[in-house]
Protein backbone atom coordinates (compact mmCIF):
# COMPACT_ATOMS: atom_id res chain seq x y z
CA MET A 1 66.29 -14.26 9.14
CA ALA A 2 64.85 -12.56 6.06
CA ARG A 3 65.92 -15.50 3.92
CA PHE A 4 64.06 -17.91 6.22
CA GLN A 5 60.90 -15.79 5.97
CA SER A 6 61.20 -15.68 2.18
CA LEU A 7 61.56 -19.44 1.97
CA SER A 8 58.64 -19.97 4.34
CA LEU A 9 56.45 -17.65 2.29
CA LEU A 10 57.49 -19.39 -0.93
CA LEU A 11 56.66 -22.79 0.55
CA ILE A 12 53.24 -21.63 1.73
CA LEU A 13 52.44 -20.09 -1.64
CA SER A 14 53.50 -23.22 -3.53
CA LEU A 15 51.38 -25.42 -1.26
CA ALA A 16 48.39 -23.12 -1.76
CA LEU A 17 48.89 -23.22 -5.52
CA ALA A 18 49.10 -27.02 -5.50
CA PHE A 19 45.89 -27.22 -3.45
CA LEU A 20 44.01 -24.87 -5.79
CA SER A 21 45.25 -26.82 -8.79
CA SER A 22 43.93 -30.07 -7.35
CA LEU A 23 40.55 -28.44 -6.73
CA SER A 24 40.33 -27.22 -10.30
CA ASN A 25 41.20 -30.70 -11.61
CA ALA A 26 38.45 -32.24 -9.46
CA GLN A 27 35.99 -29.63 -10.71
CA TYR A 28 36.97 -30.41 -14.31
CA TYR A 29 36.52 -34.14 -13.85
CA TYR A 30 33.36 -34.15 -11.78
CA GLY A 31 31.30 -31.18 -12.75
CA SER A 32 32.80 -29.20 -15.52
CA ARG A 33 31.99 -29.33 -19.18
CA LEU A 34 33.28 -32.23 -21.19
CA HIS A 35 34.21 -32.03 -24.81
CA PRO A 36 31.62 -34.06 -26.80
CA SER A 37 34.38 -36.43 -27.96
CA GLU A 38 34.94 -37.46 -24.31
CA CYS A 39 31.37 -38.72 -23.84
CA GLY A 40 32.03 -42.18 -25.29
CA ALA A 41 34.83 -43.06 -22.89
CA ARG A 42 33.05 -41.63 -19.83
CA CYS A 43 29.79 -43.41 -20.71
CA SER A 44 31.61 -46.65 -21.40
CA TYR A 45 32.98 -46.59 -17.86
CA ARG A 46 29.67 -45.39 -16.39
CA CYS A 47 27.83 -48.33 -17.99
CA SER A 48 30.53 -50.95 -17.38
CA ALA A 49 28.81 -52.55 -14.35
CA THR A 50 25.34 -53.01 -15.83
CA HIS A 51 23.86 -55.98 -17.66
CA HIS A 52 21.81 -53.53 -19.78
CA ARG A 53 24.80 -52.01 -21.50
CA LYS A 54 23.20 -51.03 -24.82
CA PRO A 55 20.35 -48.89 -23.39
CA CYS A 56 22.68 -47.51 -20.72
CA MET A 57 25.14 -46.36 -23.38
CA PHE A 58 22.35 -44.88 -25.52
CA PHE A 59 20.89 -42.77 -22.73
CA CYS A 60 24.25 -41.89 -21.18
CA GLN A 61 25.54 -40.55 -24.47
CA LYS A 62 22.29 -38.67 -25.06
CA CYS A 63 22.56 -37.10 -21.60
CA CYS A 64 26.24 -36.34 -22.03
CA ALA A 65 25.58 -34.63 -25.37
CA LYS A 66 23.00 -32.38 -23.70
CA CYS A 67 24.70 -31.79 -20.34
CA LEU A 68 28.38 -32.21 -21.29
CA CYS A 69 28.88 -34.01 -17.99
CA VAL A 70 28.88 -37.64 -16.77
CA PRO A 71 28.97 -38.40 -13.04
CA PRO A 72 32.01 -40.31 -11.78
CA GLY A 73 31.75 -44.01 -11.04
CA THR A 74 29.37 -46.67 -12.29
CA TYR A 75 26.41 -45.68 -10.11
CA GLY A 76 25.17 -42.68 -8.15
CA ASN A 77 27.22 -39.48 -7.72
CA ARG A 78 24.62 -37.49 -9.67
CA GLN A 79 25.19 -34.43 -7.48
CA TYR A 80 28.28 -33.69 -9.59
CA CYS A 81 26.16 -33.14 -12.72
CA PRO A 82 22.96 -31.19 -11.95
CA CYS A 83 21.68 -31.22 -15.56
CA TYR A 84 22.30 -34.97 -15.78
CA ASN A 85 20.56 -35.46 -12.44
CA ASN A 86 17.52 -33.26 -13.15
CA TRP A 87 16.58 -34.59 -16.60
CA LYS A 88 13.54 -36.84 -15.99
CA THR A 89 11.34 -39.18 -18.03
CA GLN A 90 7.63 -38.44 -18.56
CA GLU A 91 6.92 -40.71 -15.60
CA GLY A 92 9.26 -38.67 -13.39
CA GLY A 93 12.08 -41.22 -13.17
CA PRO A 94 15.71 -40.42 -14.01
CA LYS A 95 16.44 -40.28 -17.73
CA CYS A 96 20.19 -40.52 -17.37
CA PRO A 97 21.93 -43.64 -16.01
């Protein structure tokens, strides 16, 4: 009986650890700080669906250098990077693609 309880507790703890690990990986990818060397690859993917690739890459890399974050996907998802989302042009539009 005690062995069954020990195994059950071990299983629950390992599942909890796996869940917390997946949350930390999502936080790293979506909202955590990037290393500046990662900006190029993230911006390349972020700008892959636009016909205005050169200006998109320029501003994305500028934003990534300042914020150390690039939202996931090719459009939207700015809620994952508040600095990236809140940086505006003089006209009030979004600075970061």
